[in-house]
Amino acid sequence: MEPNYKLIGQRIKVQREKRNMTQERLSEQSGFSPTHISNLENGWTKPSVSSLVRIANALSVSADALLCDSLIRSEPVFDAQLMGELSDCTPWESGVILDTVRTLKRSLRQHRPSDPQ
């Protein structure tokens, strides 16, 4: 599977914003220019493996957290993100979300293309 650099860039931005970091601060932490960080976040520049490692370390996240949209086995990352989203739900909200997920899952499985990617 070819990496989706736009999605990788979006994940870098999300992780940066979760930490209340500016692009300037991330550039200082990772050793890249703010322009390079901006280009990565917009998907205009393809990061090398060493660049991804430096950025993941600067953000204190795993490389999986940045690459999960391009990985076949990324369930742990998505599971952790889902649990994070649910962590502040009320019991009523959790019940509604659970019912929605069950319905969505059933619909997806009924309408799955013959060659899902």
PDB file of N, CA and C in Angstrom:
ATOM      1  N   MET A   1       0.845  -1.169   0.000  1.00  0.00           N
ATOM      2  CA  MET A   1       0.000   0.000   0.000  1.00  0.00           C
ATOM      3  C   MET A   1       0.899   1.243   0.000  1.00  0.00           C
ATOM      4  N   GLU A   2       0.642   2.139  -0.901  1.00  0.00           N
ATOM      5  CA  GLU A   2       1.393   3.399  -1.002  1.00  0.00           C
ATOM      6  C   GLU A   2       0.967   4.332   0.133  1.00  0.00           C
ATOM      7  N   PRO A   3       1.927   4.924   0.837  1.00  0.00           N
ATOM      8  CA  PRO A   3       1.561   5.850   1.914  1.00  0.00           C
ATOM      9  C   PRO A   3       0.762   7.031   1.382  1.00  0.00           C
ATOM     10  N   ASN A   4      -0.232   7.435   2.159  1.00  0.00           N
ATOM     11  CA  ASN A   4      -1.022   8.615   1.830  1.00  0.00           C
ATOM     12  C   ASN A   4      -0.392   9.788   2.589  1.00  0.00           C
ATOM     13  N   TYR A   5       0.418  10.575   1.887  1.00  0.00           N
ATOM     14  CA  TYR A   5       1.185  11.639   2.542  1.00  0.00           C
ATOM     15  C   TYR A   5       0.301  12.758   3.064  1.00  0.00           C
ATOM     16  N   LYS A   6      -0.838  12.965   2.440  1.00  0.00           N
ATOM     17  CA  LYS A   6      -1.765  13.980   2.928  1.00  0.00           C
ATOM     18  C   LYS A   6      -2.315  13.565   4.300  1.00  0.00           C
ATOM     19  N   LEU A   7      -2.688  12.284   4.431  1.00  0.00           N
ATOM     20  CA  LEU A   7      -3.184  11.792   5.724  1.00  0.00           C
ATOM     21  C   LEU A   7      -2.087  11.785   6.781  1.00  0.00           C
ATOM     22  N   ILE A   8      -0.870  11.441   6.391  1.00  0.00           N
ATOM     23  CA  ILE A   8       0.255  11.490   7.338  1.00  0.00           C
ATOM     24  C   ILE A   8       0.429  12.917   7.832  1.00  0.00           C
ATOM     25  N   GLY A   9       0.387  13.875   6.920  1.00  0.00           N
ATOM     26  CA  GLY A   9       0.505  15.283   7.296  1.00  0.00           C
ATOM     27  C   GLY A   9      -0.608  15.728   8.220  1.00  0.00           C
ATOM     28  N   GLN A  10      -1.833  15.269   7.950  1.00  0.00           N
ATOM     29  CA  GLN A  10      -2.959  15.622   8.811  1.00  0.00           C
ATOM     30  C   GLN A  10      -2.764  15.048  10.212  1.00  0.00           C
ATOM     31  N   ARG A  11      -2.239  13.826  10.284  1.00  0.00           N
ATOM     32  CA  ARG A  11      -1.999  13.222  11.604  1.00  0.00           C
ATOM     33  C   ARG A  11      -0.892  13.958  12.360  1.00  0.00           C
ATOM     34  N   ILE A  12       0.133  14.407  11.650  1.00  0.00           N
ATOM     35  CA  ILE A  12       1.179  15.209  12.299  1.00  0.00           C
ATOM     36  C   ILE A  12       0.546  16.463  12.892  1.00  0.00           C
ATOM     37  N   LYS A  13      -0.282  17.129  12.111  1.00  0.00           N
ATOM     38  CA  LYS A  13      -0.933  18.358  12.578  1.00  0.00           C
ATOM     39  C   LYS A  13      -1.835  18.093  13.784  1.00  0.00           C
ATOM     40  N   VAL A  14      -2.634  17.028  13.721  1.00  0.00           N
ATOM     41  CA  VAL A  14      -3.526  16.696  14.836  1.00  0.00           C
ATOM     42  C   VAL A  14      -2.717  16.451  16.106  1.00  0.00           C
ATOM     43  N   GLN A  15      -1.645  15.658  15.993  1.00  0.00           N
ATOM     44  CA  GLN A  15      -0.821  15.363  17.167  1.00  0.00           C
ATOM     45  C   GLN A  15      -0.156  16.630  17.706  1.00  0.00           C
ATOM     46  N   ARG A  16       0.287  17.483  16.801  1.00  0.00           N
ATOM     47  CA  ARG A  16       0.912  18.751  17.213  1.00  0.00           C
ATOM     48  C   ARG A  16      -0.098  19.619  17.956  1.00  0.00           C
ATOM     49  N   GLU A  17      -1.289  19.745  17.400  1.00  0.00           N
ATOM     50  CA  GLU A  17      -2.317  20.585  18.022  1.00  0.00           C
ATOM     51  C   GLU A  17      -2.798  20.008  19.347  1.00  0.00           C
ATOM     52  N   LYS A  18      -2.843  18.675  19.480  1.00  0.00           N
ATOM     53  CA  LYS A  18      -3.211  18.049  20.753  1.00  0.00           C
ATOM     54  C   LYS A  18      -2.263  18.472  21.864  1.00  0.00           C
ATOM     55  N   ARG A  19      -1.038  18.752  21.488  1.00  0.00           N
ATOM     56  CA  ARG A  19      -0.009  19.130  22.459  1.00  0.00           C
ATOM     57  C   ARG A  19       0.147  20.653  22.565  1.00  0.00           C
ATOM     58  N   ASN A  20      -0.792  21.365  21.938  1.00  0.00           N
ATOM     59  CA  ASN A  20      -0.746  22.833  21.936  1.00  0.00           C
ATOM     60  C   ASN A  20       0.601  23.351  21.445  1.00  0.00           C
ATOM     61  N   MET A  21       1.146  22.681  20.448  1.00  0.00           N
ATOM     62  CA  MET A  21       2.430  23.087  19.867  1.00  0.00           C
ATOM     63  C   MET A  21       2.172  23.897  18.605  1.00  0.00           C
ATOM     64  N   THR A  22       2.971  24.908  18.406  1.00  0.00           N
ATOM     65  CA  THR A  22       2.959  25.626  17.143  1.00  0.00           C
ATOM     66  C   THR A  22       3.869  24.893  16.165  1.00  0.00           C
ATOM     67  N   GLN A  23       3.757  25.240  14.895  1.00  0.00           N
ATOM     68  CA  GLN A  23       4.681  24.673  13.913  1.00  0.00           C
ATOM     69  C   GLN A  23       6.110  25.090  14.250  1.00  0.00           C
ATOM     70  N   GLU A  24       6.263  26.282  14.771  1.00  0.00           N
ATOM     71  CA  GLU A  24       7.600  26.761  15.147  1.00  0.00           C
ATOM     72  C   GLU A  24       8.195  25.899  16.256  1.00  0.00           C
ATOM     73  N   ARG A  25       7.366  25.569  17.242  1.00  0.00           N
ATOM     74  CA  ARG A  25       7.853  24.744  18.360  1.00  0.00           C
ATOM     75  C   ARG A  25       8.209  23.336  17.871  1.00  0.00           C
ATOM     76  N   LEU A  26       7.365  22.768  17.014  1.00  0.00           N
ATOM     77  CA  LEU A  26       7.668  21.444  16.464  1.00  0.00           C
ATOM     78  C   LEU A  26       8.934  21.496  15.623  1.00  0.00           C
ATOM     79  N   SER A  27       9.125  22.579  14.905  1.00  0.00           N
ATOM     80  CA  SER A  27      10.348  22.690  14.095  1.00  0.00           C
ATOM     81  C   SER A  27      11.579  22.742  14.994  1.00  0.00           C
ATOM     82  N   GLU A  28      11.483  23.443  16.115  1.00  0.00           N
ATOM     83  CA  GLU A  28      12.604  23.486  17.067  1.00  0.00           C
ATOM     84  C   GLU A  28      12.880  22.101  17.645  1.00  0.00           C
ATOM     85  N   GLN A  29      11.814  21.394  18.022  1.00  0.00           N
ATOM     86  CA  GLN A  29      11.958  20.079  18.649  1.00  0.00           C
ATOM     87  C   GLN A  29      12.487  19.027  17.675  1.00  0.00           C
ATOM     88  N   SER A  30      12.119  19.164  16.390  1.00  0.00           N
ATOM     89  CA  SER A  30      12.495  18.139  15.412  1.00  0.00           C
ATOM     90  C   SER A  30      13.708  18.511  14.572  1.00  0.00           C
ATOM     91  N   GLY A  31      14.085  19.787  14.583  1.00  0.00           N
ATOM     92  CA  GLY A  31      15.228  20.227  13.803  1.00  0.00           C
ATOM     93  C   GLY A  31      14.900  20.589  12.364  1.00  0.00           C
ATOM     94  N   PHE A  32      13.630  20.729  12.051  1.00  0.00           N
ATOM     95  CA  PHE A  32      13.214  21.136  10.713  1.00  0.00           C
ATOM     96  C   PHE A  32      12.770  22.592  10.730  1.00  0.00           C
ATOM     97  N   SER A  33      12.728  23.198   9.560  1.00  0.00           N
ATOM     98  CA  SER A  33      12.244  24.579   9.473  1.00  0.00           C
ATOM     99  C   SER A  33      10.716  24.591   9.593  1.00  0.00           C
ATOM    100  N   PRO A  34      10.144  25.708  10.053  1.00  0.00           N
ATOM    101  CA  PRO A  34       8.683  25.803  10.104  1.00  0.00           C
ATOM    102  C   PRO A  34       8.046  25.600   8.720  1.00  0.00           C
ATOM    103  N   THR A  35       8.724  26.048   7.676  1.00  0.00           N
ATOM    104  CA  THR A  35       8.212  25.854   6.316  1.00  0.00           C
ATOM    105  C   THR A  35       8.144  24.376   5.975  1.00  0.00           C
ATOM    106  N   HIS A  36       9.168  23.621   6.361  1.00  0.00           N
ATOM    107  CA  HIS A  36       9.175  22.180   6.096  1.00  0.00           C
ATOM    108  C   HIS A  36       8.042  21.495   6.854  1.00  0.00           C
ATOM    109  N   ILE A  37       7.820  21.885   8.108  1.00  0.00           N
ATOM    110  CA  ILE A  37       6.719  21.320   8.902  1.00  0.00           C
ATOM    111  C   ILE A  37       5.393  21.615   8.210  1.00  0.00           C
ATOM    112  N   SER A  38       5.209  22.837   7.760  1.00  0.00           N
ATOM    113  CA  SER A  38       3.986  23.213   7.051  1.00  0.00           C
ATOM    114  C   SER A  38       3.806  22.375   5.788  1.00  0.00           C
ATOM    115  N   ASN A  39       4.874  22.198   5.038  1.00  0.00           N
ATOM    116  CA  ASN A  39       4.796  21.391   3.816  1.00  0.00           C
ATOM    117  C   ASN A  39       4.447  19.933   4.117  1.00  0.00           C
ATOM    118  N   LEU A  40       4.986  19.400   5.204  1.00  0.00           N
ATOM    119  CA  LEU A  40       4.653  18.031   5.599  1.00  0.00           C
ATOM    120  C   LEU A  40       3.183  17.932   6.005  1.00  0.00           C
ATOM    121  N   GLU A  41       2.729  18.882   6.821  1.00  0.00           N
ATOM    122  CA  GLU A  41       1.350  18.843   7.296  1.00  0.00           C
ATOM    123  C   GLU A  41       0.345  18.984   6.159  1.00  0.00           C
ATOM    124  N   ASN A  42       0.702  19.686   5.109  1.00  0.00           N
ATOM    125  CA  ASN A  42      -0.185  19.862   3.962  1.00  0.00           C
ATOM    126  C   ASN A  42      -0.044  18.752   2.924  1.00  0.00           C
ATOM    127  N   GLY A  43       0.880  17.828   3.149  1.00  0.00           N
ATOM    128  CA  GLY A  43       1.083  16.718   2.223  1.00  0.00           C
ATOM    129  C   GLY A  43       1.830  17.095   0.965  1.00  0.00           C
ATOM    130  N   TRP A  44       2.485  18.250   0.972  1.00  0.00           N
ATOM    131  CA  TRP A  44       3.225  18.718  -0.204  1.00  0.00           C
ATOM    132  C   TRP A  44       4.631  18.137  -0.261  1.00  0.00           C
ATOM    133  N   THR A  45       5.136  17.681   0.895  1.00  0.00           N
ATOM    134  CA  THR A  45       6.466  17.094   0.980  1.00  0.00           C
ATOM    135  C   THR A  45       6.335  15.680   1.517  1.00  0.00           C
ATOM    136  N   LYS A  46       7.040  14.731   0.901  1.00  0.00           N
ATOM    137  CA  LYS A  46       7.036  13.347   1.360  1.00  0.00           C
ATOM    138  C   LYS A  46       8.141  13.182   2.400  1.00  0.00           C
ATOM    139  N   PRO A  47       7.778  12.823   3.633  1.00  0.00           N
ATOM    140  CA  PRO A  47       8.806  12.661   4.660  1.00  0.00           C
ATOM    141  C   PRO A  47       9.599  11.373   4.482  1.00  0.00           C
ATOM    142  N   SER A  48      10.870  11.450   4.788  1.00  0.00           N
ATOM    143  CA  SER A  48      11.699  10.239   4.809  1.00  0.00           C
ATOM    144  C   SER A  48      11.424   9.499   6.114  1.00  0.00           C
ATOM    145  N   VAL A  49      11.910   8.300   6.211  1.00  0.00           N
ATOM    146  CA  VAL A  49      11.750   7.527   7.443  1.00  0.00           C
ATOM    147  C   VAL A  49      12.410   8.260   8.607  1.00  0.00           C
ATOM    148  N   SER A  50      13.611   8.781   8.390  1.00  0.00           N
ATOM    149  CA  SER A  50      14.294   9.485   9.481  1.00  0.00           C
ATOM    150  C   SER A  50      13.523  10.747   9.875  1.00  0.00           C
ATOM    151  N   SER A  51      12.896  11.419   8.920  1.00  0.00           N
ATOM    152  CA  SER A  51      12.079  12.597   9.238  1.00  0.00           C
ATOM    153  C   SER A  51      10.885  12.208  10.098  1.00  0.00           C
ATOM    154  N   LEU A  52      10.231  11.108   9.733  1.00  0.00           N
ATOM    155  CA  LEU A  52       9.087  10.649  10.529  1.00  0.00           C
ATOM    156  C   LEU A  52       9.498  10.284  11.951  1.00  0.00           C
ATOM    157  N   VAL A  53      10.653   9.669  12.076  1.00  0.00           N
ATOM    158  CA  VAL A  53      11.145   9.313  13.411  1.00  0.00           C
ATOM    159  C   VAL A  53      11.405  10.574  14.230  1.00  0.00           C
ATOM    160  N   ARG A  54      12.054  11.555  13.638  1.00  0.00           N
ATOM    161  CA  ARG A  54      12.337  12.810  14.361  1.00  0.00           C
ATOM    162  C   ARG A  54      11.056  13.512  14.769  1.00  0.00           C
ATOM    163  N   ILE A  55      10.066  13.534  13.887  1.00  0.00           N
ATOM    164  CA  ILE A  55       8.808  14.199  14.208  1.00  0.00           C
ATOM    165  C   ILE A  55       8.035  13.406  15.263  1.00  0.00           C
ATOM    166  N   ALA A  56       7.981  12.084  15.119  1.00  0.00           N
ATOM    167  CA  ALA A  56       7.304  11.258  16.120  1.00  0.00           C
ATOM    168  C   ALA A  56       7.945  11.454  17.487  1.00  0.00           C
ATOM    169  N   ASN A  57       9.263  11.483  17.551  1.00  0.00           N
ATOM    170  CA  ASN A  57       9.953  11.703  18.825  1.00  0.00           C
ATOM    171  C   ASN A  57       9.658  13.093  19.375  1.00  0.00           C
ATOM    172  N   ALA A  58       9.640  14.108  18.518  1.00  0.00           N
ATOM    173  CA  ALA A  58       9.348  15.468  18.971  1.00  0.00           C
ATOM    174  C   ALA A  58       7.926  15.573  19.511  1.00  0.00           C
ATOM    175  N   LEU A  59       7.015  14.787  18.946  1.00  0.00           N
ATOM    176  CA  LEU A  59       5.616  14.791  19.390  1.00  0.00           C
ATOM    177  C   LEU A  59       5.344  13.782  20.498  1.00  0.00           C
ATOM    178  N   SER A  60       6.327  12.950  20.816  1.00  0.00           N
ATOM    179  CA  SER A  60       6.181  11.876  21.812  1.00  0.00           C
ATOM    180  C   SER A  60       5.045  10.923  21.444  1.00  0.00           C
ATOM    181  N   VAL A  61       5.015  10.518  20.169  1.00  0.00           N
ATOM    182  CA  VAL A  61       4.044   9.536  19.702  1.00  0.00           C
ATOM    183  C   VAL A  61       4.797   8.430  18.969  1.00  0.00           C
ATOM    184  N   SER A  62       4.121   7.314  18.766  1.00  0.00           N
ATOM    185  CA  SER A  62       4.728   6.247  17.979  1.00  0.00           C
ATOM    186  C   SER A  62       4.620   6.597  16.504  1.00  0.00           C
ATOM    187  N   ALA A  63       5.486   6.027  15.718  1.00  0.00           N
ATOM    188  CA  ALA A  63       5.400   6.223  14.271  1.00  0.00           C
ATOM    189  C   ALA A  63       4.076   5.664  13.751  1.00  0.00           C
ATOM    190  N   ASP A  64       3.567   4.615  14.394  1.00  0.00           N
ATOM    191  CA  ASP A  64       2.266   4.061  14.009  1.00  0.00           C
ATOM    192  C   ASP A  64       1.165   5.107  14.083  1.00  0.00           C
ATOM    193  N   ALA A  65       1.241   5.982  15.062  1.00  0.00           N
ATOM    194  CA  ALA A  65       0.216   7.014  15.208  1.00  0.00           C
ATOM    195  C   ALA A  65       0.188   7.949  14.005  1.00  0.00           C
ATOM    196  N   LEU A  66       1.317   8.104  13.338  1.00  0.00           N
ATOM    197  CA  LEU A  66       1.387   8.969  12.164  1.00  0.00           C
ATOM    198  C   LEU A  66       1.114   8.199  10.878  1.00  0.00           C
ATOM    199  N   LEU A  67       1.403   6.909  10.875  1.00  0.00           N
ATOM    200  CA  LEU A  67       1.319   6.102   9.653  1.00  0.00           C
ATOM    201  C   LEU A  67       0.104   5.187   9.582  1.00  0.00           C
ATOM    202  N   CYS A  68      -0.743   5.175  10.606  1.00  0.00           N
ATOM    203  CA  CYS A  68      -1.775   4.142  10.706  1.00  0.00           C
ATOM    204  C   CYS A  68      -2.722   4.078   9.514  1.00  0.00           C
ATOM    205  N   ASP A  69      -2.935   5.173   8.804  1.00  0.00           N
ATOM    206  CA  ASP A  69      -3.813   5.120   7.632  1.00  0.00           C
ATOM    207  C   ASP A  69      -3.167   4.368   6.470  1.00  0.00           C
ATOM    208  N   SER A  70      -1.865   4.170   6.528  1.00  0.00           N
ATOM    209  CA  SER A  70      -1.141   3.500   5.455  1.00  0.00           C
ATOM    210  C   SER A  70      -0.711   2.084   5.826  1.00  0.00           C
ATOM    211  N   LEU A  71      -1.040   1.642   7.029  1.00  0.00           N
ATOM    212  CA  LEU A  71      -0.627   0.326   7.510  1.00  0.00           C
ATOM    213  C   LEU A  71      -1.776  -0.661   7.456  1.00  0.00           C
ATOM    214  N   ILE A  72      -1.471  -1.894   7.132  1.00  0.00           N
ATOM    215  CA  ILE A  72      -2.498  -2.929   7.101  1.00  0.00           C
ATOM    216  C   ILE A  72      -2.915  -3.295   8.520  1.00  0.00           C
ATOM    217  N   ARG A  73      -1.970  -3.423   9.417  1.00  0.00           N
ATOM    218  CA  ARG A  73      -2.253  -3.819  10.804  1.00  0.00           C
ATOM    219  C   ARG A  73      -2.149  -2.610  11.728  1.00  0.00           C
ATOM    220  N   SER A  74      -3.196  -1.814  11.785  1.00  0.00           N
ATOM    221  CA  SER A  74      -3.149  -0.601  12.598  1.00  0.00           C
ATOM    222  C   SER A  74      -4.256  -0.564  13.657  1.00  0.00           C
ATOM    223  N   GLU A  75      -4.846  -1.720  13.946  1.00  0.00           N
ATOM    224  CA  GLU A  75      -5.934  -1.762  14.905  1.00  0.00           C
ATOM    225  C   GLU A  75      -5.582  -1.150  16.265  1.00  0.00           C
ATOM    226  N   PRO A  76      -4.393  -1.419  16.814  1.00  0.00           N
ATOM    227  CA  PRO A  76      -4.105  -0.835  18.131  1.00  0.00           C
ATOM    228  C   PRO A  76      -4.163   0.695  18.144  1.00  0.00           C
ATOM    229  N   VAL A  77      -3.730   1.318  17.076  1.00  0.00           N
ATOM    230  CA  VAL A  77      -3.768   2.780  17.008  1.00  0.00           C
ATOM    231  C   VAL A  77      -5.210   3.261  16.951  1.00  0.00           C
ATOM    232  N   PHE A  78      -6.009   2.651  16.069  1.00  0.00           N
ATOM    233  CA  PHE A  78      -7.400   3.064  15.953  1.00  0.00           C
ATOM    234  C   PHE A  78      -8.177   2.739  17.221  1.00  0.00           C
ATOM    235  N   ASP A  79      -7.897   1.598  17.847  1.00  0.00           N
ATOM    236  CA  ASP A  79      -8.562   1.248  19.104  1.00  0.00           C
ATOM    237  C   ASP A  79      -8.261   2.285  20.182  1.00  0.00           C
ATOM    238  N   ALA A  80      -7.008   2.693  20.285  1.00  0.00           N
ATOM    239  CA  ALA A  80      -6.624   3.691  21.291  1.00  0.00           C
ATOM    240  C   ALA A  80      -7.287   5.035  21.001  1.00  0.00           C
ATOM    241  N   GLN A  81      -7.361   5.410  19.732  1.00  0.00           N
ATOM    242  CA  GLN A  81      -8.006   6.672  19.388  1.00  0.00           C
ATOM    243  C   GLN A  81      -9.493   6.623  19.697  1.00  0.00           C
ATOM    244  N   LEU A  82     -10.128   5.497  19.401  1.00  0.00           N
ATOM    245  CA  LEU A  82     -11.547   5.345  19.700  1.00  0.00           C
ATOM    246  C   LEU A  82     -11.794   5.424  21.208  1.00  0.00           C
ATOM    247  N   MET A  83     -10.973   4.747  21.973  1.00  0.00           N
ATOM    248  CA  MET A  83     -11.127   4.793  23.430  1.00  0.00           C
ATOM    249  C   MET A  83     -10.911   6.216  23.967  1.00  0.00           C
ATOM    250  N   GLY A  84      -9.969   6.926  23.375  1.00  0.00           N
ATOM    251  CA  GLY A  84      -9.741   8.311  23.774  1.00  0.00           C
ATOM    252  C   GLY A  84     -10.953   9.176  23.510  1.00  0.00           C
ATOM    253  N   GLU A  85     -11.588   8.961  22.360  1.00  0.00           N
ATOM    254  CA  GLU A  85     -12.789   9.734  22.032  1.00  0.00           C
ATOM    255  C   GLU A  85     -13.936   9.415  22.982  1.00  0.00           C
ATOM    256  N   LEU A  86     -14.021   8.177  23.445  1.00  0.00           N
ATOM    257  CA  LEU A  86     -15.122   7.760  24.311  1.00  0.00           C
ATOM    258  C   LEU A  86     -14.882   8.047  25.792  1.00  0.00           C
ATOM    259  N   SER A  87     -13.663   8.381  26.143  1.00  0.00           N
ATOM    260  CA  SER A  87     -13.292   8.473  27.559  1.00  0.00           C
ATOM    261  C   SER A  87     -14.077   9.512  28.351  1.00  0.00           C
ATOM    262  N   ASP A  88     -14.568  10.550  27.693  1.00  0.00           N
ATOM    263  CA  ASP A  88     -15.285  11.586  28.446  1.00  0.00           C
ATOM    264  C   ASP A  88     -16.792  11.557  28.195  1.00  0.00           C
ATOM    265  N   CYS A  89     -17.294  10.454  27.629  1.00  0.00           N
ATOM    266  CA  CYS A  89     -18.720  10.341  27.338  1.00  0.00           C
ATOM    267  C   CYS A  89     -19.514  10.006  28.594  1.00  0.00           C
ATOM    268  N   THR A  90     -20.742  10.501  28.614  1.00  0.00           N
ATOM    269  CA  THR A  90     -21.670  10.096  29.670  1.00  0.00           C
ATOM    270  C   THR A  90     -22.162   8.691  29.335  1.00  0.00           C
ATOM    271  N   PRO A  91     -22.743   7.991  30.297  1.00  0.00           N
ATOM    272  CA  PRO A  91     -23.282   6.658  29.984  1.00  0.00           C
ATOM    273  C   PRO A  91     -24.316   6.710  28.839  1.00  0.00           C
ATOM    274  N   TRP A  92     -25.162   7.727  28.820  1.00  0.00           N
ATOM    275  CA  TRP A  92     -26.146   7.858  27.746  1.00  0.00           C
ATOM    276  C   TRP A  92     -25.460   8.034  26.397  1.00  0.00           C
ATOM    277  N   GLU A  93     -24.447   8.912  26.333  1.00  0.00           N
ATOM    278  CA  GLU A  93     -23.712   9.115  25.081  1.00  0.00           C
ATOM    279  C   GLU A  93     -23.037   7.822  24.623  1.00  0.00           C
ATOM    280  N   SER A  94     -22.445   7.097  25.563  1.00  0.00           N
ATOM    281  CA  SER A  94     -21.801   5.828  25.224  1.00  0.00           C
ATOM    282  C   SER A  94     -22.796   4.844  24.627  1.00  0.00           C
ATOM    283  N   GLY A  95     -23.996   4.783  25.196  1.00  0.00           N
ATOM    284  CA  GLY A  95     -25.029   3.889  24.678  1.00  0.00           C
ATOM    285  C   GLY A  95     -25.456   4.258  23.264  1.00  0.00           C
ATOM    286  N   VAL A  96     -25.646   5.546  23.017  1.00  0.00           N
ATOM    287  CA  VAL A  96     -26.037   6.004  21.682  1.00  0.00           C
ATOM    288  C   VAL A  96     -24.927   5.705  20.678  1.00  0.00           C
ATOM    289  N   ILE A  97     -23.691   5.968  21.063  1.00  0.00           N
ATOM    290  CA  ILE A  97     -22.554   5.706  20.169  1.00  0.00           C
ATOM    291  C   ILE A  97     -22.441   4.216  19.885  1.00  0.00           C
ATOM    292  N   LEU A  98     -22.614   3.378  20.899  1.00  0.00           N
ATOM    293  CA  LEU A  98     -22.549   1.931  20.708  1.00  0.00           C
ATOM    294  C   LEU A  98     -23.623   1.463  19.730  1.00  0.00           C
ATOM    295  N   ASP A  99     -24.848   1.935  19.902  1.00  0.00           N
ATOM    296  CA  ASP A  99     -25.921   1.566  18.969  1.00  0.00           C
ATOM    297  C   ASP A  99     -25.594   2.025  17.552  1.00  0.00           C
ATOM    298  N   THR A 100     -25.041   3.217  17.418  1.00  0.00           N
ATOM    299  CA  THR A 100     -24.676   3.755  16.106  1.00  0.00           C
ATOM    300  C   THR A 100     -23.581   2.921  15.462  1.00  0.00           C
ATOM    301  N   VAL A 101     -22.587   2.552  16.244  1.00  0.00           N
ATOM    302  CA  VAL A 101     -21.477   1.742  15.718  1.00  0.00           C
ATOM    303  C   VAL A 101     -21.988   0.377  15.265  1.00  0.00           C
ATOM    304  N   ARG A 102     -22.846  -0.238  16.047  1.00  0.00           N
ATOM    305  CA  ARG A 102     -23.384  -1.550  15.658  1.00  0.00           C
ATOM    306  C   ARG A 102     -24.148  -1.451  14.336  1.00  0.00           C
ATOM    307  N   THR A 103     -24.969  -0.416  14.195  1.00  0.00           N
ATOM    308  CA  THR A 103     -25.739  -0.224  12.965  1.00  0.00           C
ATOM    309  C   THR A 103     -24.818   0.050  11.782  1.00  0.00           C
ATOM    310  N   LEU A 104     -23.839   0.907  11.987  1.00  0.00           N
ATOM    311  CA  LEU A 104     -22.888   1.237  10.928  1.00  0.00           C
ATOM    312  C   LEU A 104     -22.095   0.003  10.505  1.00  0.00           C
ATOM    313  N   LYS A 105     -21.635  -0.769  11.463  1.00  0.00           N
ATOM    314  CA  LYS A 105     -20.864  -1.978  11.171  1.00  0.00           C
ATOM    315  C   LYS A 105     -21.696  -2.970  10.360  1.00  0.00           C
ATOM    316  N   ARG A 106     -22.942  -3.163  10.758  1.00  0.00           N
ATOM    317  CA  ARG A 106     -23.828  -4.076  10.027  1.00  0.00           C
ATOM    318  C   ARG A 106     -24.023  -3.594   8.587  1.00  0.00           C
ATOM    319  N   SER A 107     -24.228  -2.301   8.408  1.00  0.00           N
ATOM    320  CA  SER A 107     -24.415  -1.734   7.071  1.00  0.00           C
ATOM    321  C   SER A 107     -23.153  -1.865   6.229  1.00  0.00           C
ATOM    322  N   LEU A 108     -22.007  -1.589   6.824  1.00  0.00           N
ATOM    323  CA  LEU A 108     -20.749  -1.709   6.086  1.00  0.00           C
ATOM    324  C   LEU A 108     -20.521  -3.136   5.607  1.00  0.00           C
ATOM    325  N   ARG A 109     -20.818  -4.091   6.454  1.00  0.00           N
ATOM    326  CA  ARG A 109     -20.598  -5.495   6.090  1.00  0.00           C
ATOM    327  C   ARG A 109     -21.580  -5.962   5.014  1.00  0.00           C
ATOM    328  N   GLN A 110     -22.778  -5.405   5.008  1.00  0.00           N
ATOM    329  CA  GLN A 110     -23.760  -5.767   3.984  1.00  0.00           C
ATOM    330  C   GLN A 110     -23.405  -5.165   2.633  1.00  0.00           C
ATOM    331  N   HIS A 111     -22.727  -4.027   2.637  1.00  0.00           N
ATOM    332  CA  HIS A 111     -22.423  -3.314   1.407  1.00  0.00           C
ATOM    333  C   HIS A 111     -20.939  -3.285   1.067  1.00  0.00           C
ATOM    334  N   ARG A 112     -20.180  -4.191   1.654  1.00  0.00           N
ATOM    335  CA  ARG A 112     -18.733  -4.253   1.432  1.00  0.00           C
ATOM    336  C   ARG A 112     -18.429  -4.549  -0.027  1.00  0.00           C
ATOM    337  N   PRO A 113     -17.509  -3.790  -0.632  1.00  0.00           N
ATOM    338  CA  PRO A 113     -17.106  -4.128  -2.002  1.00  0.00           C
ATOM    339  C   PRO A 113     -16.388  -5.468  -2.011  1.00  0.00           C
ATOM    340  N   SER A 114     -16.353  -6.108  -3.174  1.00  0.00           N
ATOM    341  CA  SER A 114     -15.744  -7.434  -3.266  1.00  0.00           C
ATOM    342  C   SER A 114     -14.248  -7.412  -2.976  1.00  0.00           C
ATOM    343  N   ASP A 115     -13.578  -6.270  -3.186  1.00  0.00           N
ATOM    344  CA  ASP A 115     -12.146  -6.152  -2.950  1.00  0.00           C
ATOM    345  C   ASP A 115     -11.872  -4.929  -2.073  1.00  0.00           C
ATOM    346  N   PRO A 116     -12.193  -5.021  -0.749  1.00  0.00           N
ATOM    347  CA  PRO A 116     -11.985  -3.853   0.119  1.00  0.00           C
ATOM    348  C   PRO A 116     -10.512  -3.516   0.268  1.00  0.00           C
ATOM    349  N   GLN A 117     -10.235  -2.226   0.339  1.00  0.00           N
ATOM    350  CA  GLN A 117      -8.844  -1.779   0.490  1.00  0.00           C
ATOM    351  C   GLN A 117      -8.656  -1.042   1.770  1.00  0.00           C
TER     352      GLN A 117
END
